Amino acid sequence: MDTRLALIETERAAETGLPVAVIQSMRQRLNLMRAVPDTSTMRAWKSLRYEEAALDSNGMQSIAVSSQWTLHVRINDKVTPAEIMIMGLKEQIRGAA
């Protein structure tokens, strides 16, 4: 688990070393995930760029934070309300030769 995520919503967010835009977007994504009534609503919001097809062998889904950063979550929608466990934040390196 990414220890930087514990600081995202605090006054110490700058200590994460993440770009300001990523911190702001993460805060928005976290608020949206708390506000949705169920996971089907979250999946329907195109702005989240939720990718269930991006399931890996560990059962994680991804939500775009920016064009470079992706939030990896594990969702248990067998309980009400659904449990969303944040597993990590990863930078996608594009165009590496």
PDB file of N, CA and C in Angstrom:
ATOM      1  N   MET A   1       0.840  -1.179   0.000  1.00  0.00           N
ATOM      2  CA  MET A   1       0.000   0.000   0.000  1.00  0.00           C
ATOM      3  C   MET A   1       0.889   1.248   0.000  1.00  0.00           C
ATOM      4  N   ASP A   2       0.459   2.234  -0.731  1.00  0.00           N
ATOM      5  CA  ASP A   2       1.216   3.472  -0.893  1.00  0.00           C
ATOM      6  C   ASP A   2       1.022   4.359   0.338  1.00  0.00           C
ATOM      7  N   THR A   3       2.069   4.553   1.125  1.00  0.00           N
ATOM      8  CA  THR A   3       1.968   5.324   2.367  1.00  0.00           C
ATOM      9  C   THR A   3       1.703   6.806   2.118  1.00  0.00           C
ATOM     10  N   ARG A   4       1.994   7.296   0.914  1.00  0.00           N
ATOM     11  CA  ARG A   4       1.737   8.707   0.596  1.00  0.00           C
ATOM     12  C   ARG A   4       0.251   9.033   0.640  1.00  0.00           C
ATOM     13  N   LEU A   5      -0.581   8.038   0.388  1.00  0.00           N
ATOM     14  CA  LEU A   5      -2.016   8.279   0.299  1.00  0.00           C
ATOM     15  C   LEU A   5      -2.622   8.726   1.620  1.00  0.00           C
ATOM     16  N   ALA A   6      -2.017   8.356   2.728  1.00  0.00           N
ATOM     17  CA  ALA A   6      -2.538   8.762   4.036  1.00  0.00           C
ATOM     18  C   ALA A   6      -2.462  10.274   4.227  1.00  0.00           C
ATOM     19  N   LEU A   7      -1.580  10.932   3.496  1.00  0.00           N
ATOM     20  CA  LEU A   7      -1.397  12.382   3.649  1.00  0.00           C
ATOM     21  C   LEU A   7      -2.183  13.212   2.637  1.00  0.00           C
ATOM     22  N   ILE A   8      -2.757  12.581   1.630  1.00  0.00           N
ATOM     23  CA  ILE A   8      -3.406  13.298   0.522  1.00  0.00           C
ATOM     24  C   ILE A   8      -4.436  14.318   1.003  1.00  0.00           C
ATOM     25  N   GLU A   9      -5.251  13.965   1.971  1.00  0.00           N
ATOM     26  CA  GLU A   9      -6.325  14.858   2.401  1.00  0.00           C
ATOM     27  C   GLU A   9      -5.970  15.671   3.648  1.00  0.00           C
ATOM     28  N   THR A  10      -4.698  15.767   3.948  1.00  0.00           N
ATOM     29  CA  THR A  10      -4.269  16.526   5.118  1.00  0.00           C
ATOM     30  C   THR A  10      -3.504  17.775   4.692  1.00  0.00           C
ATOM     31  N   GLU A  11      -3.164  18.587   5.669  1.00  0.00           N
ATOM     32  CA  GLU A  11      -2.357  19.777   5.399  1.00  0.00           C
ATOM     33  C   GLU A  11      -0.924  19.400   5.030  1.00  0.00           C
ATOM     34  N   ARG A  12      -0.558  18.154   5.258  1.00  0.00           N
ATOM     35  CA  ARG A  12       0.797  17.687   4.956  1.00  0.00           C
ATOM     36  C   ARG A  12       0.887  17.044   3.565  1.00  0.00           C
ATOM     37  N   ALA A  13      -0.086  17.279   2.711  1.00  0.00           N
ATOM     38  CA  ALA A  13      -0.116  16.664   1.385  1.00  0.00           C
ATOM     39  C   ALA A  13       1.132  16.972   0.561  1.00  0.00           C
ATOM     40  N   ALA A  14       1.732  18.130   0.766  1.00  0.00           N
ATOM     41  CA  ALA A  14       2.940  18.497   0.009  1.00  0.00           C
ATOM     42  C   ALA A  14       4.093  17.542   0.293  1.00  0.00           C
ATOM     43  N   GLU A  15       4.077  16.902   1.457  1.00  0.00           N
ATOM     44  CA  GLU A  15       5.137  15.964   1.820  1.00  0.00           C
ATOM     45  C   GLU A  15       5.125  14.694   0.971  1.00  0.00           C
ATOM     46  N   THR A  16       4.042  14.466   0.240  1.00  0.00           N
ATOM     47  CA  THR A  16       3.961  13.270  -0.597  1.00  0.00           C
ATOM     48  C   THR A  16       4.904  13.341  -1.785  1.00  0.00           C
ATOM     49  N   GLY A  17       5.260  14.564  -2.187  1.00  0.00           N
ATOM     50  CA  GLY A  17       6.106  14.735  -3.364  1.00  0.00           C
ATOM     51  C   GLY A  17       5.335  14.619  -4.667  1.00  0.00           C
ATOM     52  N   LEU A  18       4.021  14.481  -4.579  1.00  0.00           N
ATOM     53  CA  LEU A  18       3.184  14.377  -5.772  1.00  0.00           C
ATOM     54  C   LEU A  18       2.902  15.766  -6.329  1.00  0.00           C
ATOM     55  N   PRO A  19       2.678  15.871  -7.644  1.00  0.00           N
ATOM     56  CA  PRO A  19       2.317  17.164  -8.224  1.00  0.00           C
ATOM     57  C   PRO A  19       1.009  17.684  -7.611  1.00  0.00           C
ATOM     58  N   VAL A  20       0.887  18.996  -7.502  1.00  0.00           N
ATOM     59  CA  VAL A  20      -0.299  19.622  -6.912  1.00  0.00           C
ATOM     60  C   VAL A  20      -1.562  19.181  -7.645  1.00  0.00           C
ATOM     61  N   ALA A  21      -1.516  19.110  -8.964  1.00  0.00           N
ATOM     62  CA  ALA A  21      -2.689  18.704  -9.745  1.00  0.00           C
ATOM     63  C   ALA A  21      -3.128  17.283  -9.391  1.00  0.00           C
ATOM     64  N   VAL A  22      -2.182  16.406  -9.117  1.00  0.00           N
ATOM     65  CA  VAL A  22      -2.511  15.023  -8.747  1.00  0.00           C
ATOM     66  C   VAL A  22      -3.155  15.002  -7.362  1.00  0.00           C
ATOM     67  N   ILE A  23      -2.638  15.789  -6.445  1.00  0.00           N
ATOM     68  CA  ILE A  23      -3.221  15.866  -5.098  1.00  0.00           C
ATOM     69  C   ILE A  23      -4.655  16.378  -5.179  1.00  0.00           C
ATOM     70  N   GLN A  24      -4.884  17.435  -5.958  1.00  0.00           N
ATOM     71  CA  GLN A  24      -6.228  17.991  -6.098  1.00  0.00           C
ATOM     72  C   GLN A  24      -7.176  16.979  -6.731  1.00  0.00           C
ATOM     73  N   SER A  25      -6.723  16.304  -7.773  1.00  0.00           N
ATOM     74  CA  SER A  25      -7.554  15.317  -8.448  1.00  0.00           C
ATOM     75  C   SER A  25      -7.854  14.128  -7.535  1.00  0.00           C
ATOM     76  N   MET A  26      -6.864  13.697  -6.763  1.00  0.00           N
ATOM     77  CA  MET A  26      -7.080  12.598  -5.817  1.00  0.00           C
ATOM     78  C   MET A  26      -8.137  12.975  -4.790  1.00  0.00           C
ATOM     79  N   ARG A  27      -8.066  14.200  -4.287  1.00  0.00           N
ATOM     80  CA  ARG A  27      -9.062  14.651  -3.312  1.00  0.00           C
ATOM     81  C   ARG A  27     -10.460  14.628  -3.918  1.00  0.00           C
ATOM     82  N   GLN A  28     -10.581  15.064  -5.177  1.00  0.00           N
ATOM     83  CA  GLN A  28     -11.877  15.038  -5.859  1.00  0.00           C
ATOM     84  C   GLN A  28     -12.367  13.608  -6.038  1.00  0.00           C
ATOM     85  N   ARG A  29     -11.472  12.720  -6.467  1.00  0.00           N
ATOM     86  CA  ARG A  29     -11.854  11.318  -6.676  1.00  0.00           C
ATOM     87  C   ARG A  29     -12.310  10.670  -5.367  1.00  0.00           C
ATOM     88  N   LEU A  30     -11.592  10.933  -4.289  1.00  0.00           N
ATOM     89  CA  LEU A  30     -11.955  10.361  -2.995  1.00  0.00           C
ATOM     90  C   LEU A  30     -13.321  10.865  -2.541  1.00  0.00           C
ATOM     91  N   ASN A  31     -13.594  12.153  -2.740  1.00  0.00           N
ATOM     92  CA  ASN A  31     -14.908  12.700  -2.384  1.00  0.00           C
ATOM     93  C   ASN A  31     -16.012  12.087  -3.230  1.00  0.00           C
ATOM     94  N   LEU A  32     -15.760  11.912  -4.527  1.00  0.00           N
ATOM     95  CA  LEU A  32     -16.754  11.286  -5.399  1.00  0.00           C
ATOM     96  C   LEU A  32     -17.030   9.850  -4.974  1.00  0.00           C
ATOM     97  N   MET A  33     -15.972   9.108  -4.640  1.00  0.00           N
ATOM     98  CA  MET A  33     -16.162   7.712  -4.234  1.00  0.00           C
ATOM     99  C   MET A  33     -16.964   7.616  -2.941  1.00  0.00           C
ATOM    100  N   ARG A  34     -16.801   8.573  -2.054  1.00  0.00           N
ATOM    101  CA  ARG A  34     -17.587   8.582  -0.814  1.00  0.00           C
ATOM    102  C   ARG A  34     -19.047   8.934  -1.086  1.00  0.00           C
ATOM    103  N   ALA A  35     -19.297   9.749  -2.102  1.00  0.00           N
ATOM    104  CA  ALA A  35     -20.638  10.263  -2.370  1.00  0.00           C
ATOM    105  C   ALA A  35     -21.527   9.318  -3.171  1.00  0.00           C
ATOM    106  N   VAL A  36     -20.942   8.407  -3.926  1.00  0.00           N
ATOM    107  CA  VAL A  36     -21.767   7.556  -4.786  1.00  0.00           C
ATOM    108  C   VAL A  36     -22.616   6.604  -3.943  1.00  0.00           C
ATOM    109  N   PRO A  37     -23.879   6.415  -4.352  1.00  0.00           N
ATOM    110  CA  PRO A  37     -24.745   5.514  -3.593  1.00  0.00           C
ATOM    111  C   PRO A  37     -24.389   4.036  -3.779  1.00  0.00           C
ATOM    112  N   ASP A  38     -23.827   3.711  -4.939  1.00  0.00           N
ATOM    113  CA  ASP A  38     -23.430   2.324  -5.193  1.00  0.00           C
ATOM    114  C   ASP A  38     -22.361   2.296  -6.280  1.00  0.00           C
ATOM    115  N   THR A  39     -21.750   1.141  -6.470  1.00  0.00           N
ATOM    116  CA  THR A  39     -20.643   1.057  -7.421  1.00  0.00           C
ATOM    117  C   THR A  39     -21.105   1.176  -8.867  1.00  0.00           C
ATOM    118  N   SER A  40     -22.355   0.839  -9.155  1.00  0.00           N
ATOM    119  CA  SER A  40     -22.821   0.988 -10.539  1.00  0.00           C
ATOM    120  C   SER A  40     -22.859   2.465 -10.932  1.00  0.00           C
ATOM    121  N   THR A  41     -23.177   3.331  -9.993  1.00  0.00           N
ATOM    122  CA  THR A  41     -23.147   4.770 -10.252  1.00  0.00           C
ATOM    123  C   THR A  41     -21.723   5.219 -10.527  1.00  0.00           C
ATOM    124  N   MET A  42     -20.793   4.710  -9.740  1.00  0.00           N
ATOM    125  CA  MET A  42     -19.389   5.064  -9.934  1.00  0.00           C
ATOM    126  C   MET A  42     -18.907   4.601 -11.311  1.00  0.00           C
ATOM    127  N   ARG A  43     -19.320   3.415 -11.712  1.00  0.00           N
ATOM    128  CA  ARG A  43     -18.916   2.891 -13.020  1.00  0.00           C
ATOM    129  C   ARG A  43     -19.505   3.717 -14.159  1.00  0.00           C
ATOM    130  N   ALA A  44     -20.682   4.293 -13.932  1.00  0.00           N
ATOM    131  CA  ALA A  44     -21.366   5.058 -14.976  1.00  0.00           C
ATOM    132  C   ALA A  44     -20.748   6.437 -15.196  1.00  0.00           C
ATOM    133  N   TRP A  45     -20.067   6.975 -14.204  1.00  0.00           N
ATOM    134  CA  TRP A  45     -19.463   8.298 -14.349  1.00  0.00           C
ATOM    135  C   TRP A  45     -18.220   8.210 -15.211  1.00  0.00           C
ATOM    136  N   LYS A  46     -18.353   8.674 -16.429  1.00  0.00           N
ATOM    137  CA  LYS A  46     -17.247   8.594 -17.391  1.00  0.00           C
ATOM    138  C   LYS A  46     -16.037   9.410 -16.945  1.00  0.00           C
ATOM    139  N   SER A  47     -16.273  10.485 -16.203  1.00  0.00           N
ATOM    140  CA  SER A  47     -15.163  11.339 -15.781  1.00  0.00           C
ATOM    141  C   SER A  47     -14.200  10.623 -14.835  1.00  0.00           C
ATOM    142  N   LEU A  48     -14.663   9.576 -14.157  1.00  0.00           N
ATOM    143  CA  LEU A  48     -13.768   8.809 -13.285  1.00  0.00           C
ATOM    144  C   LEU A  48     -12.820   7.913 -14.082  1.00  0.00           C
ATOM    145  N   ARG A  49     -13.199   7.625 -15.318  1.00  0.00           N
ATOM    146  CA  ARG A  49     -12.425   6.700 -16.161  1.00  0.00           C
ATOM    147  C   ARG A  49     -12.123   5.413 -15.388  1.00  0.00           C
ATOM    148  N   TYR A  50     -13.189   4.873 -14.808  1.00  0.00           N
ATOM    149  CA  TYR A  50     -13.117   3.627 -14.061  1.00  0.00           C
ATOM    150  C   TYR A  50     -12.907   2.487 -15.047  1.00  0.00           C
ATOM    151  N   GLU A  51     -11.940   1.657 -14.802  1.00  0.00           N
ATOM    152  CA  GLU A  51     -11.630   0.571 -15.731  1.00  0.00           C
ATOM    153  C   GLU A  51     -11.720  -0.769 -15.025  1.00  0.00           C
ATOM    154  N   GLU A  52     -12.898  -1.370 -15.152  1.00  0.00           N
ATOM    155  CA  GLU A  52     -13.061  -2.699 -14.590  1.00  0.00           C
ATOM    156  C   GLU A  52     -12.342  -3.712 -15.466  1.00  0.00           C
ATOM    157  N   ALA A  53     -12.225  -3.402 -16.750  1.00  0.00           N
ATOM    158  CA  ALA A  53     -11.521  -4.294 -17.667  1.00  0.00           C
ATOM    159  C   ALA A  53     -10.043  -4.389 -17.318  1.00  0.00           C
ATOM    160  N   ALA A  54      -9.566  -3.444 -16.525  1.00  0.00           N
ATOM    161  CA  ALA A  54      -8.157  -3.440 -16.147  1.00  0.00           C
ATOM    162  C   ALA A  54      -7.899  -4.314 -14.922  1.00  0.00           C
ATOM    163  N   LEU A  55      -8.832  -5.217 -14.649  1.00  0.00           N
ATOM    164  CA  LEU A  55      -8.642  -6.124 -13.524  1.00  0.00           C
ATOM    165  C   LEU A  55      -7.357  -6.905 -13.695  1.00  0.00           C
ATOM    166  N   ASP A  56      -6.599  -6.990 -12.646  1.00  0.00           N
ATOM    167  CA  ASP A  56      -5.405  -7.823 -12.704  1.00  0.00           C
ATOM    168  C   ASP A  56      -5.648  -9.073 -11.867  1.00  0.00           C
ATOM    169  N   SER A  57      -4.646  -9.889 -11.718  1.00  0.00           N
ATOM    170  CA  SER A  57      -4.801 -11.154 -11.006  1.00  0.00           C
ATOM    171  C   SER A  57      -5.115 -10.955  -9.525  1.00  0.00           C
ATOM    172  N   ASN A  58      -4.873  -9.765  -8.996  1.00  0.00           N
ATOM    173  CA  ASN A  58      -5.168  -9.484  -7.595  1.00  0.00           C
ATOM    174  C   ASN A  58      -6.562  -8.897  -7.406  1.00  0.00           C
ATOM    175  N   GLY A  59      -7.335  -8.761  -8.463  1.00  0.00           N
ATOM    176  CA  GLY A  59      -8.692  -8.243  -8.368  1.00  0.00           C
ATOM    177  C   GLY A  59      -8.786  -6.745  -8.207  1.00  0.00           C
ATOM    178  N   MET A  60      -7.784  -6.018  -8.659  1.00  0.00           N
ATOM    179  CA  MET A  60      -7.810  -4.561  -8.527  1.00  0.00           C
ATOM    180  C   MET A  60      -8.393  -3.917  -9.778  1.00  0.00           C
ATOM    181  N   GLN A  61      -9.101  -2.799  -9.564  1.00  0.00           N
ATOM    182  CA  GLN A  61      -9.592  -1.975 -10.647  1.00  0.00           C
ATOM    183  C   GLN A  61      -8.805  -0.683 -10.624  1.00  0.00           C
ATOM    184  N   SER A  62      -8.934   0.084 -11.706  1.00  0.00           N
ATOM    185  CA  SER A  62      -8.199   1.345 -11.754  1.00  0.00           C
ATOM    186  C   SER A  62      -9.136   2.508 -12.049  1.00  0.00           C
ATOM    187  N   ILE A  63      -8.774   3.655 -11.494  1.00  0.00           N
ATOM    188  CA  ILE A  63      -9.489   4.910 -11.715  1.00  0.00           C
ATOM    189  C   ILE A  63      -8.440   5.945 -12.085  1.00  0.00           C
ATOM    190  N   ALA A  64      -8.656   6.618 -13.210  1.00  0.00           N
ATOM    191  CA  ALA A  64      -7.688   7.619 -13.660  1.00  0.00           C
ATOM    192  C   ALA A  64      -7.733   8.831 -12.740  1.00  0.00           C
ATOM    193  N   VAL A  65      -6.565   9.275 -12.318  1.00  0.00           N
ATOM    194  CA  VAL A  65      -6.443  10.488 -11.513  1.00  0.00           C
ATOM    195  C   VAL A  65      -6.042  11.641 -12.424  1.00  0.00           C
ATOM    196  N   SER A  66      -5.196  11.343 -13.386  1.00  0.00           N
ATOM    197  CA  SER A  66      -4.779  12.297 -14.411  1.00  0.00           C
ATOM    198  C   SER A  66      -4.352  11.465 -15.608  1.00  0.00           C
ATOM    199  N   SER A  67      -3.813  12.111 -16.630  1.00  0.00           N
ATOM    200  CA  SER A  67      -3.365  11.351 -17.796  1.00  0.00           C
ATOM    201  C   SER A  67      -2.156  10.484 -17.466  1.00  0.00           C
ATOM    202  N   GLN A  68      -1.448  10.806 -16.385  1.00  0.00           N
ATOM    203  CA  GLN A  68      -0.247  10.060 -16.009  1.00  0.00           C
ATOM    204  C   GLN A  68      -0.404   9.189 -14.779  1.00  0.00           C
ATOM    205  N   TRP A  69      -1.378   9.459 -13.936  1.00  0.00           N
ATOM    206  CA  TRP A  69      -1.501   8.778 -12.653  1.00  0.00           C
ATOM    207  C   TRP A  69      -2.791   7.980 -12.583  1.00  0.00           C
ATOM    208  N   THR A  70      -2.709   6.788 -11.999  1.00  0.00           N
ATOM    209  CA  THR A  70      -3.850   5.901 -11.863  1.00  0.00           C
ATOM    210  C   THR A  70      -3.972   5.438 -10.417  1.00  0.00           C
ATOM    211  N   LEU A  71      -5.184   5.479  -9.907  1.00  0.00           N
ATOM    212  CA  LEU A  71      -5.483   5.002  -8.566  1.00  0.00           C
ATOM    213  C   LEU A  71      -5.949   3.555  -8.678  1.00  0.00           C
ATOM    214  N   HIS A  72      -5.347   2.671  -7.917  1.00  0.00           N
ATOM    215  CA  HIS A  72      -5.736   1.263  -7.938  1.00  0.00           C
ATOM    216  C   HIS A  72      -6.542   0.958  -6.685  1.00  0.00           C
ATOM    217  N   VAL A  73      -7.723   0.374  -6.899  1.00  0.00           N
ATOM    218  CA  VAL A  73      -8.637   0.080  -5.799  1.00  0.00           C
ATOM    219  C   VAL A  73      -9.124  -1.363  -5.889  1.00  0.00           C
ATOM    220  N   ARG A  74      -9.600  -1.848  -4.779  1.00  0.00           N
ATOM    221  CA  ARG A  74     -10.276  -3.142  -4.732  1.00  0.00           C
ATOM    222  C   ARG A  74     -11.662  -2.856  -4.161  1.00  0.00           C
ATOM    223  N   ILE A  75     -12.708  -3.296  -4.870  1.00  0.00           N
ATOM    224  CA  ILE A  75     -14.081  -2.988  -4.480  1.00  0.00           C
ATOM    225  C   ILE A  75     -14.804  -4.260  -4.069  1.00  0.00           C
ATOM    226  N   ASN A  76     -15.418  -4.215  -2.901  1.00  0.00           N
ATOM    227  CA  ASN A  76     -16.264  -5.307  -2.431  1.00  0.00           C
ATOM    228  C   ASN A  76     -17.692  -4.784  -2.466  1.00  0.00           C
ATOM    229  N   ASP A  77     -18.430  -5.121  -3.536  1.00  0.00           N
ATOM    230  CA  ASP A  77     -19.806  -4.641  -3.643  1.00  0.00           C
ATOM    231  C   ASP A  77     -20.809  -5.698  -3.199  1.00  0.00           C
ATOM    232  N   LYS A  78     -20.325  -6.720  -2.510  1.00  0.00           N
ATOM    233  CA  LYS A  78     -21.211  -7.738  -1.956  1.00  0.00           C
ATOM    234  C   LYS A  78     -21.790  -7.294  -0.612  1.00  0.00           C
ATOM    235  N   VAL A  79     -21.291  -6.184  -0.089  1.00  0.00           N
ATOM    236  CA  VAL A  79     -21.804  -5.617   1.157  1.00  0.00           C
ATOM    237  C   VAL A  79     -22.398  -4.242   0.860  1.00  0.00           C
ATOM    238  N   THR A  80     -23.294  -3.784   1.747  1.00  0.00           N
ATOM    239  CA  THR A  80     -23.909  -2.481   1.575  1.00  0.00           C
ATOM    240  C   THR A  80     -23.599  -1.633   2.787  1.00  0.00           C
ATOM    241  N   PRO A  81     -23.045  -0.458   2.642  1.00  0.00           N
ATOM    242  CA  PRO A  81     -22.523   0.113   1.400  1.00  0.00           C
ATOM    243  C   PRO A  81     -21.254  -0.608   0.959  1.00  0.00           C
ATOM    244  N   ALA A  82     -20.947  -0.460  -0.303  1.00  0.00           N
ATOM    245  CA  ALA A  82     -19.771  -1.124  -0.869  1.00  0.00           C
ATOM    246  C   ALA A  82     -18.502  -0.641  -0.175  1.00  0.00           C
ATOM    247  N   GLU A  83     -17.564  -1.547  -0.030  1.00  0.00           N
ATOM    248  CA  GLU A  83     -16.267  -1.192   0.550  1.00  0.00           C
ATOM    249  C   GLU A  83     -15.281  -0.948  -0.578  1.00  0.00           C
ATOM    250  N   ILE A  84     -14.614   0.181  -0.539  1.00  0.00           N
ATOM    251  CA  ILE A  84     -13.595   0.510  -1.534  1.00  0.00           C
ATOM    252  C   ILE A  84     -12.274   0.631  -0.801  1.00  0.00           C
ATOM    253  N   MET A  85     -11.367  -0.276  -1.103  1.00  0.00           N
ATOM    254  CA  MET A  85     -10.050  -0.252  -0.469  1.00  0.00           C
ATOM    255  C   MET A  85      -9.043   0.312  -1.459  1.00  0.00           C
ATOM    256  N   ILE A  86      -8.378   1.376  -1.073  1.00  0.00           N
ATOM    257  CA  ILE A  86      -7.380   1.997  -1.938  1.00  0.00           C
ATOM    258  C   ILE A  86      -6.075   1.237  -1.782  1.00  0.00           C
ATOM    259  N   MET A  87      -5.581   0.719  -2.890  1.00  0.00           N
ATOM    260  CA  MET A  87      -4.387  -0.121  -2.869  1.00  0.00           C
ATOM    261  C   MET A  87      -3.118   0.637  -3.241  1.00  0.00           C
ATOM    262  N   GLY A  88      -3.253   1.661  -4.067  1.00  0.00           N
ATOM    263  CA  GLY A  88      -2.054   2.395  -4.443  1.00  0.00           C
ATOM    264  C   GLY A  88      -2.309   3.416  -5.532  1.00  0.00           C
ATOM    265  N   LEU A  89      -1.317   4.241  -5.730  1.00  0.00           N
ATOM    266  CA  LEU A  89      -1.324   5.267  -6.761  1.00  0.00           C
ATOM    267  C   LEU A  89      -0.078   5.044  -7.597  1.00  0.00           C
ATOM    268  N   LYS A  90      -0.275   4.879  -8.905  1.00  0.00           N
ATOM    269  CA  LYS A  90       0.870   4.566  -9.759  1.00  0.00           C
ATOM    270  C   LYS A  90       0.975   5.540 -10.915  1.00  0.00           C
ATOM    271  N   GLU A  91       2.208   5.876 -11.236  1.00  0.00           N
ATOM    272  CA  GLU A  91       2.475   6.733 -12.388  1.00  0.00           C
ATOM    273  C   GLU A  91       2.637   5.846 -13.605  1.00  0.00           C
ATOM    274  N   GLN A  92       1.935   6.211 -14.671  1.00  0.00           N
ATOM    275  CA  GLN A  92       2.021   5.477 -15.926  1.00  0.00           C
ATOM    276  C   GLN A  92       3.080   6.134 -16.792  1.00  0.00           C
ATOM    277  N   ILE A  93       4.112   5.412 -17.116  1.00  0.00           N
ATOM    278  CA  ILE A  93       5.176   5.956 -17.961  1.00  0.00           C
ATOM    279  C   ILE A  93       4.814   5.655 -19.403  1.00  0.00           C
ATOM    280  N   ARG A  94       4.642   6.720 -20.169  1.00  0.00           N
ATOM    281  CA  ARG A  94       4.226   6.575 -21.571  1.00  0.00           C
ATOM    282  C   ARG A  94       5.346   7.026 -22.491  1.00  0.00           C
ATOM    283  N   GLY A  95       5.440   6.359 -23.598  1.00  0.00           N
ATOM    284  CA  GLY A  95       6.391   6.760 -24.621  1.00  0.00           C
ATOM    285  C   GLY A  95       7.837   6.457 -24.297  1.00  0.00           C
ATOM    286  N   ALA A  96       8.061   5.559 -23.366  1.00  0.00           N
ATOM    287  CA  ALA A  96       9.451   5.196 -23.043  1.00  0.00           C
ATOM    288  C   ALA A  96      10.024   4.372 -24.180  1.00  0.00           C
ATOM    289  N   ALA A  97      11.198   4.747 -24.647  1.00  0.00           N
ATOM    290  CA  ALA A  97      11.801   4.043 -25.783  1.00  0.00           C
ATOM    291  C   ALA A  97      12.714   2.944 -25.322  1.00  0.00           C
TER     292      ALA A  97
END
